[in-house]
Protein backbone atom coordinates (compact mmCIF):
# COMPACT_ATOMS: atom_id res chain seq x y z
CA MET A 1 -49.11 -54.62 16.18
CA ARG A 2 -46.03 -56.82 17.82
CA ALA A 3 -47.08 -60.05 16.14
CA ALA A 4 -46.75 -58.48 13.02
CA ALA A 5 -42.51 -57.44 13.86
CA VAL A 6 -42.26 -61.45 13.82
CA THR A 7 -40.03 -62.63 10.55
CA GLU A 8 -41.00 -66.40 10.20
CA SER A 9 -38.24 -67.46 11.50
CA GLY A 10 -39.04 -66.52 14.95
CA SER A 11 -36.41 -64.42 16.32
CA GLY A 12 -38.63 -61.37 17.21
CA GLN A 13 -37.15 -59.53 14.75
CA SER A 14 -38.09 -56.72 12.89
CA ALA A 15 -38.67 -57.13 8.95
CA ALA A 16 -36.02 -53.20 9.15
CA SER A 17 -33.68 -55.06 11.53
CA ALA A 18 -33.39 -58.24 9.23
CA ALA A 19 -32.94 -56.16 6.16
CA LYS A 20 -29.92 -54.58 7.79
CA GLY A 21 -28.38 -57.63 8.41
CA ALA A 22 -28.10 -58.38 4.54
CA ARG A 23 -27.38 -54.93 3.83
CA PRO A 24 -23.65 -53.99 1.81
CA ALA A 25 -21.44 -52.61 4.54
CA SER A 26 -19.67 -49.62 2.35
CA ILE A 27 -20.67 -47.38 0.21
CA GLU A 28 -18.11 -48.84 -1.73
CA THR A 29 -19.18 -52.34 -1.63
CA ILE A 30 -22.83 -50.69 -3.42
CA VAL A 31 -20.75 -48.83 -5.80
CA ARG A 32 -19.43 -52.41 -7.10
CA ASP A 33 -22.24 -53.95 -6.65
CA LEU A 34 -23.97 -51.44 -8.92
CA LYS A 35 -21.41 -50.74 -11.67
CA GLU A 36 -21.48 -55.53 -11.99
CA ARG A 37 -25.37 -55.29 -12.29
CA LEU A 38 -25.43 -53.31 -14.74
CA GLY A 39 -23.26 -54.40 -16.88
CA ASP A 40 -23.06 -53.18 -20.53
CA GLU A 41 -25.62 -50.53 -19.26
CA TRP A 42 -22.79 -48.81 -17.39
CA PRO A 43 -23.08 -44.75 -18.51
CA PRO A 44 -19.16 -44.88 -18.70
CA ARG A 45 -18.93 -48.66 -20.32
CA ILE A 46 -21.87 -47.08 -23.50
CA TYR A 47 -19.57 -44.16 -23.83
CA ARG A 48 -16.40 -45.77 -23.89
CA GLU A 49 -17.99 -48.31 -26.74
CA ARG A 50 -20.34 -46.74 -28.60
CA VAL A 51 -19.03 -43.34 -28.34
CA LEU A 52 -15.26 -43.08 -28.92
CA SER A 53 -15.50 -46.15 -30.96
CA LEU A 54 -17.42 -43.50 -33.68
CA ARG A 55 -15.03 -40.96 -35.15
CA THR A 56 -15.61 -38.02 -32.49
CA ARG A 57 -15.12 -34.65 -31.81
CA SER A 58 -14.33 -32.87 -28.39
CA HIS A 59 -16.83 -30.79 -26.71
CA ALA A 60 -16.45 -28.44 -23.83
CA VAL A 61 -19.59 -29.23 -21.04
CA PRO A 62 -19.83 -26.51 -17.81
CA PRO A 63 -19.87 -29.25 -15.54
CA ALA A 64 -23.48 -28.76 -12.76
CA VAL A 65 -22.25 -27.97 -9.15
CA ARG A 66 -23.59 -29.79 -6.29
CA ASN A 67 -27.82 -29.36 -6.80
CA ALA A 68 -27.58 -27.16 -9.55
CA PRO A 69 -30.49 -28.11 -12.47
CA VAL A 70 -29.73 -29.38 -15.68
CA GLU A 71 -32.28 -28.51 -18.43
CA VAL A 72 -32.99 -28.73 -22.23
CA GLN A 73 -35.16 -25.25 -23.06
CA HIS A 74 -36.51 -24.57 -26.22
CA THR A 75 -36.13 -20.62 -26.93
CA LEU A 76 -37.06 -18.15 -29.56
CA LEU A 77 -33.16 -18.73 -30.16
CA GLY A 78 -33.24 -22.67 -30.70
CA ILE A 79 -32.23 -25.14 -28.34
CA GLU A 80 -29.93 -23.97 -25.00
CA LEU A 81 -28.27 -26.64 -22.28
CA GLN A 82 -29.07 -24.68 -19.41
CA VAL A 83 -26.19 -25.73 -16.14
CA GLY A 84 -27.07 -24.01 -13.75
CA ARG A 85 -26.80 -20.02 -14.63
CA ARG A 86 -24.68 -20.95 -17.33
CA ARG A 87 -26.86 -21.98 -21.45
CA ILE A 88 -24.68 -23.37 -24.32
CA SER A 89 -26.60 -22.95 -26.99
CA CYS A 90 -27.07 -26.15 -28.84
CA PRO A 91 -27.73 -27.54 -32.96
CA ASP A 92 -30.72 -29.75 -31.54
CA LEU A 93 -32.58 -31.11 -28.90
CA ALA A 94 -30.63 -34.77 -29.57
CA THR A 95 -27.09 -32.82 -28.81
CA ALA A 96 -28.49 -30.74 -25.89
CA ARG A 97 -30.38 -34.23 -24.41
CA TYR A 98 -26.73 -35.67 -24.96
CA LEU A 99 -24.95 -33.44 -23.53
CA SER A 100 -26.87 -32.96 -19.76
CA VAL A 101 -26.32 -36.35 -19.48
CA PHE A 102 -22.43 -35.27 -18.74
CA ALA A 103 -23.33 -31.84 -17.23
CA ARG A 104 -25.10 -34.00 -14.41
CA ALA A 105 -22.75 -36.12 -14.47
CA GLY A 106 -20.03 -33.28 -13.93
CA VAL A 107 -17.68 -34.33 -16.59
CA SER A 108 -15.93 -31.23 -18.67
CA GLU A 109 -15.39 -32.44 -21.94
CA ILE A 110 -16.32 -35.38 -23.36
CA ALA A 111 -16.64 -36.44 -27.45
CA VAL A 112 -19.39 -35.96 -29.83
CA PRO A 113 -19.89 -38.45 -32.44
CA TYR A 114 -19.47 -36.94 -36.22
CA ASP A 115 -22.63 -38.11 -37.54
CA ILE A 116 -25.77 -36.67 -36.44
CA THR A 117 -27.86 -39.28 -37.39
CA LYS A 118 -26.28 -41.31 -34.41
CA ILE A 119 -26.48 -38.95 -31.47
CA SER A 120 -30.38 -39.32 -31.18
CA HIS A 121 -29.65 -42.88 -30.28
CA LEU A 122 -26.75 -42.24 -28.38
CA ALA A 123 -29.14 -39.57 -26.25
CA ASP A 124 -32.12 -42.21 -25.49
CA VAL A 125 -29.24 -45.70 -24.46
CA LEU A 126 -27.17 -43.04 -22.14
CA GLU A 127 -29.96 -41.09 -20.95
CA SER A 128 -31.66 -44.41 -19.53
CA ALA A 129 -28.32 -45.72 -18.71
CA TRP A 130 -28.72 -42.51 -15.95
CA HIS A 131 -31.36 -42.95 -14.63
CA ARG A 132 -31.47 -46.39 -14.64
CA MET A 133 -27.73 -46.49 -12.43
CA LEU A 134 -29.75 -43.98 -10.24
CA LEU A 135 -33.40 -45.80 -9.92
CA LEU A 136 -30.75 -49.35 -8.99
CA SER A 137 -28.69 -46.87 -6.58
CA ASP A 138 -31.69 -46.42 -4.76
CA HIS A 139 -32.88 -49.49 -4.83
CA LEU A 140 -29.80 -50.79 -3.21
CA THR A 141 -29.82 -48.42 -0.05
CA GLU A 142 -33.58 -49.00 0.15
CA GLY A 143 -33.74 -49.11 4.01
CA ARG A 144 -30.63 -46.84 4.37
CA THR A 145 -30.87 -43.31 6.11
CA GLU A 146 -31.50 -40.09 3.49
CA THR A 147 -28.09 -39.56 4.44
CA PHE A 148 -26.27 -42.84 3.83
CA ARG A 149 -28.79 -42.61 0.41
CA SER A 150 -27.65 -39.18 -1.13
CA ARG A 151 -23.42 -40.50 -0.16
CA ALA A 152 -24.65 -43.26 -2.59
CA ARG A 153 -25.75 -41.81 -5.38
CA ALA A 154 -23.12 -39.24 -5.32
CA ALA A 155 -20.45 -42.20 -5.33
CA THR A 156 -22.57 -43.40 -8.17
CA ALA A 157 -22.11 -40.72 -10.33
CA ARG A 158 -18.67 -39.23 -8.86
CA GLU A 159 -17.03 -43.16 -10.31
CA ALA A 160 -19.15 -42.49 -13.52
CA ARG A 161 -17.45 -38.96 -13.64
CA LYS A 162 -14.09 -40.60 -13.08
CA GLU A 163 -14.35 -43.38 -15.83
CA ILE A 164 -15.49 -41.38 -18.29
CA GLU A 165 -12.54 -38.48 -17.73
CA GLU A 166 -10.20 -41.34 -17.63
CA ALA A 167 -11.58 -42.68 -21.02
CA GLY A 168 -10.98 -38.91 -22.85
CA ALA A 169 -12.73 -36.28 -24.74
CA GLY A 170 -11.49 -37.45 -28.43
CA THR A 171 -10.05 -34.47 -30.60
CA ALA A 172 -10.37 -30.94 -29.72
CA VAL A 173 -12.39 -29.11 -32.90
CA PRO A 174 -9.79 -26.66 -34.44
CA GLU A 175 -10.95 -23.20 -33.91
CA PHE A 176 -11.85 -20.93 -37.00
CA ASN A 177 -9.55 -18.38 -37.59
CA GLN A 178 -11.58 -15.38 -37.99
CA ASN A 179 -8.35 -13.09 -39.54
CA THR A 180 -7.71 -15.56 -42.54
CA ARG A 181 -11.08 -16.77 -42.75
CA GLN A 182 -9.99 -20.10 -42.86
CA ARG A 183 -9.73 -23.28 -40.65
CA PRO A 184 -6.10 -24.37 -39.53
CA GLN A 185 -4.20 -27.05 -41.40
CA ARG A 186 -4.43 -30.58 -39.94
CA ILE A 187 -1.58 -32.39 -39.97
């Protein structure tokens, strides 16, 4: 048994303690390394370069509170996005999937493309990037305590949320005036 713990160098260190020497020192280092490894697939970068380059409108999203589930639900009334106990009605499945990525990130206001044909592809790309980000975070913290791993995932999501919020949410959609039954004039 003891011979199995000896590394190839013969120093007597176990594989776990050898991995500890190679691991990043801090959560900030892990987040920075993760951003570098993801490159063009870092979710805030996709948002800035692919979404904000389109014609968009601003949309409010109920941000997920800690450990609140974010689910896309098919109901008799249509598609809904449930964030914790709150539900918002969505016009289609692609929009619900698109909004769910930002709800998981905790962003309260985002830009949604006007062109509905673009939303499905962007939802695919953003969902893939989000899950890849979380998987890479788990990979980079492999062999660490569960507390450290969850702190690293939270720090990664916090960094993504901060960058998305800094990028902005586009222009607000003018509200319909119930009294005059007209949209406000654009200037």
